[in-house]
Amino acid sequence: MQYRQHRYATQFPIKLSTPAGVFECSVIDVNNTGARLAGAGQLARGDKVAFQVLNHRAEAIVRWVSGTRAGVTFRPHLNDIQVDTLRYRRDRGNYHQHHAGGLHYREMR
């Protein structure tokens, strides 16, 4: 049995660049090494895809496709702050800077 690092559930909207064009879809779970996408459009195993997170181009390879869902592996892996952003987590790293009204966005538990 192959171990896979825990993935965090989310609903992060992205514009996914694929060989078939650009599609609006969502990251529905994520970790540093990969993600599951929903609404990804026309994808095939082995496709190279990309999207923006924190002004950084996240590049990935499609590992599986089932209907409009797909699993991808990031190449190179995402850093912790990029993963936290995709999780809507704003309480790590540089996010302690100037928040409106002193409010911080916290991860929902």
C-alpha atoms as a PDB file:
ATOM      1  CA  MET A   1       0.000   0.000   0.000  1.00  0.00           C
ATOM      2  CA  GLN A   2       1.348   3.419  -0.968  1.00  0.00           C
ATOM      3  CA  TYR A   3       1.131   6.215   1.617  1.00  0.00           C
ATOM      4  CA  ARG A   4      -0.391   9.529   0.541  1.00  0.00           C
ATOM      5  CA  GLN A   5      -0.007  12.634   2.697  1.00  0.00           C
ATOM      6  CA  HIS A   6      -3.303  13.948   4.175  1.00  0.00           C
ATOM      7  CA  ARG A   7      -5.194  16.343   1.928  1.00  0.00           C
ATOM      8  CA  TYR A   8      -7.194  19.285   3.300  1.00  0.00           C
ATOM      9  CA  ALA A   9     -10.759  19.812   2.110  1.00  0.00           C
ATOM     10  CA  THR A  10     -11.476  23.170   0.481  1.00  0.00           C
ATOM     11  CA  GLN A  11     -13.543  24.884  -2.229  1.00  0.00           C
ATOM     12  CA  PHE A  12     -11.006  27.213  -3.851  1.00  0.00           C
ATOM     13  CA  PRO A  13     -11.997  28.555  -7.303  1.00  0.00           C
ATOM     14  CA  ILE A  14      -9.250  28.613  -9.946  1.00  0.00           C
ATOM     15  CA  LYS A  15      -8.782  29.177 -13.673  1.00  0.00           C
ATOM     16  CA  LEU A  16      -7.060  26.029 -14.865  1.00  0.00           C
ATOM     17  CA  SER A  17      -4.896  26.227 -18.002  1.00  0.00           C
ATOM     18  CA  THR A  18      -5.075  22.911 -19.874  1.00  0.00           C
ATOM     19  CA  PRO A  19      -4.144  21.639 -23.350  1.00  0.00           C
ATOM     20  CA  ALA A  20      -7.853  22.050 -24.268  1.00  0.00           C
ATOM     21  CA  GLY A  21      -8.110  25.659 -23.030  1.00  0.00           C
ATOM     22  CA  VAL A  22      -8.788  27.525 -19.780  1.00  0.00           C
ATOM     23  CA  PHE A  23     -11.539  26.258 -17.456  1.00  0.00           C
ATOM     24  CA  GLU A  24     -13.023  27.684 -14.274  1.00  0.00           C
ATOM     25  CA  CYS A  25     -13.028  24.919 -11.699  1.00  0.00           C
ATOM     26  CA  SER A  26     -12.345  24.329  -8.000  1.00  0.00           C
ATOM     27  CA  VAL A  27      -9.637  22.755  -5.893  1.00  0.00           C
ATOM     28  CA  ILE A  28     -11.613  20.468  -3.554  1.00  0.00           C
ATOM     29  CA  ASP A  29      -8.715  19.021  -1.577  1.00  0.00           C
ATOM     30  CA  VAL A  30      -5.038  19.886  -1.459  1.00  0.00           C
ATOM     31  CA  ASN A  31      -1.634  19.250   0.102  1.00  0.00           C
ATOM     32  CA  ASN A  32       1.918  20.150  -0.904  1.00  0.00           C
ATOM     33  CA  THR A  33       2.205  17.315  -3.426  1.00  0.00           C
ATOM     34  CA  GLY A  34      -1.192  17.276  -5.138  1.00  0.00           C
ATOM     35  CA  ALA A  35      -4.859  18.159  -5.306  1.00  0.00           C
ATOM     36  CA  ARG A  36      -8.264  16.984  -6.435  1.00  0.00           C
ATOM     37  CA  LEU A  37     -10.118  19.251  -8.847  1.00  0.00           C
ATOM     38  CA  ALA A  38     -13.832  19.486  -9.636  1.00  0.00           C
ATOM     39  CA  GLY A  39     -15.332  20.893 -12.856  1.00  0.00           C
ATOM     40  CA  ALA A  40     -12.024  20.630 -14.656  1.00  0.00           C
ATOM     41  CA  GLY A  41     -13.458  20.082 -18.145  1.00  0.00           C
ATOM     42  CA  GLN A  42     -11.711  17.997 -20.772  1.00  0.00           C
ATOM     43  CA  LEU A  43      -8.661  16.446 -19.126  1.00  0.00           C
ATOM     44  CA  ALA A  44      -6.737  13.257 -19.779  1.00  0.00           C
ATOM     45  CA  ARG A  45      -4.205  11.392 -17.685  1.00  0.00           C
ATOM     46  CA  GLY A  46      -0.742  12.840 -18.345  1.00  0.00           C
ATOM     47  CA  ASP A  47      -1.966  16.341 -19.305  1.00  0.00           C
ATOM     48  CA  LYS A  48       0.129  19.212 -17.998  1.00  0.00           C
ATOM     49  CA  VAL A  49      -2.022  21.869 -16.302  1.00  0.00           C
ATOM     50  CA  ALA A  50      -1.385  25.102 -14.386  1.00  0.00           C
ATOM     51  CA  PHE A  51      -3.090  27.795 -12.306  1.00  0.00           C
ATOM     52  CA  GLN A  52      -2.099  30.838 -10.249  1.00  0.00           C
ATOM     53  CA  VAL A  53      -1.771  30.861  -6.461  1.00  0.00           C
ATOM     54  CA  LEU A  54      -0.131  33.819  -4.667  1.00  0.00           C
ATOM     55  CA  ASN A  55       1.163  35.215  -7.979  1.00  0.00           C
ATOM     56  CA  HIS A  56       2.970  31.921  -8.536  1.00  0.00           C
ATOM     57  CA  ARG A  57       2.241  29.535 -11.365  1.00  0.00           C
ATOM     58  CA  ALA A  58       1.375  26.154  -9.864  1.00  0.00           C
ATOM     59  CA  GLU A  59       2.133  23.449 -12.431  1.00  0.00           C
ATOM     60  CA  ALA A  60       0.804  19.912 -12.215  1.00  0.00           C
ATOM     61  CA  ILE A  61       0.379  16.641 -14.070  1.00  0.00           C
ATOM     62  CA  VAL A  62      -3.021  14.947 -14.250  1.00  0.00           C
ATOM     63  CA  ARG A  63      -2.817  11.497 -12.600  1.00  0.00           C
ATOM     64  CA  TRP A  64      -6.448  10.391 -12.921  1.00  0.00           C
ATOM     65  CA  VAL A  65      -9.772  11.589 -14.321  1.00  0.00           C
ATOM     66  CA  SER A  66     -13.301  10.540 -13.366  1.00  0.00           C
ATOM     67  CA  GLY A  67     -16.087  12.548 -15.013  1.00  0.00           C
ATOM     68  CA  THR A  68     -15.392  16.210 -14.238  1.00  0.00           C
ATOM     69  CA  ARG A  69     -13.058  15.403 -11.331  1.00  0.00           C
ATOM     70  CA  ALA A  70      -9.328  14.917 -11.606  1.00  0.00           C
ATOM     71  CA  GLY A  71      -6.329  14.272  -9.381  1.00  0.00           C
ATOM     72  CA  VAL A  72      -3.100  16.166 -10.018  1.00  0.00           C
ATOM     73  CA  THR A  73       0.469  16.024  -8.748  1.00  0.00           C
ATOM     74  CA  PHE A  74       2.307  19.343  -8.387  1.00  0.00           C
ATOM     75  CA  ARG A  75       5.686  19.711 -10.097  1.00  0.00           C
ATOM     76  CA  PRO A  76       7.398  21.318  -8.207  1.00  0.00           C
ATOM     77  CA  HIS A  77       5.533  20.826  -4.917  1.00  0.00           C
ATOM     78  CA  LEU A  78       3.678  23.789  -3.406  1.00  0.00           C
ATOM     79  CA  ASN A  79       5.074  25.488  -0.314  1.00  0.00           C
ATOM     80  CA  ASP A  80       3.104  25.631   2.967  1.00  0.00           C
ATOM     81  CA  ILE A  81       1.861  29.196   2.433  1.00  0.00           C
ATOM     82  CA  GLN A  82       0.495  28.332  -1.012  1.00  0.00           C
ATOM     83  CA  VAL A  83      -1.311  25.306   0.454  1.00  0.00           C
ATOM     84  CA  ASP A  84      -2.689  27.446   3.295  1.00  0.00           C
ATOM     85  CA  THR A  85      -3.975  29.957   0.733  1.00  0.00           C
ATOM     86  CA  LEU A  86      -5.751  27.211  -1.197  1.00  0.00           C
ATOM     87  CA  ARG A  87      -7.279  26.120   2.128  1.00  0.00           C
ATOM     88  CA  TYR A  88      -8.463  29.736   2.757  1.00  0.00           C
ATOM     89  CA  ARG A  89      -6.193  29.798   5.775  1.00  0.00           C
ATOM     90  CA  ARG A  90      -4.934  33.301   6.508  1.00  0.00           C
ATOM     91  CA  ASP A  91      -3.361  32.888   9.952  1.00  0.00           C
ATOM     92  CA  ARG A  92       0.127  31.722   8.920  1.00  0.00           C
ATOM     93  CA  GLY A  93       3.283  33.318   7.595  1.00  0.00           C
ATOM     94  CA  ASN A  94       2.996  36.846   6.242  1.00  0.00           C
ATOM     95  CA  TYR A  95      -0.768  37.033   6.787  1.00  0.00           C
ATOM     96  CA  HIS A  96      -0.340  38.606  10.235  1.00  0.00           C
ATOM     97  CA  GLN A  97       0.152  41.940   8.495  1.00  0.00           C
ATOM     98  CA  HIS A  98      -2.482  44.706   8.448  1.00  0.00           C
ATOM     99  CA  HIS A  99      -5.926  43.151   8.624  1.00  0.00           C
ATOM    100  CA  ALA A 100      -8.930  45.426   8.300  1.00  0.00           C
ATOM    101  CA  GLY A 101     -10.326  46.353  11.698  1.00  0.00           C
ATOM    102  CA  GLY A 102      -7.806  44.077  13.416  1.00  0.00           C
ATOM    103  CA  LEU A 103      -9.764  41.016  12.339  1.00  0.00           C
ATOM    104  CA  HIS A 104      -7.974  37.870  11.228  1.00  0.00           C
ATOM    105  CA  TYR A 105      -9.391  35.175   8.990  1.00  0.00           C
ATOM    106  CA  ARG A 106      -9.174  31.882  10.852  1.00  0.00           C
ATOM    107  CA  GLU A 107      -9.433  28.362   9.622  1.00  0.00           C
ATOM    108  CA  MET A 108     -12.910  26.996  10.296  1.00  0.00           C
ATOM    109  CA  ARG A 109     -12.914  23.910  12.454  1.00  0.00           C
END
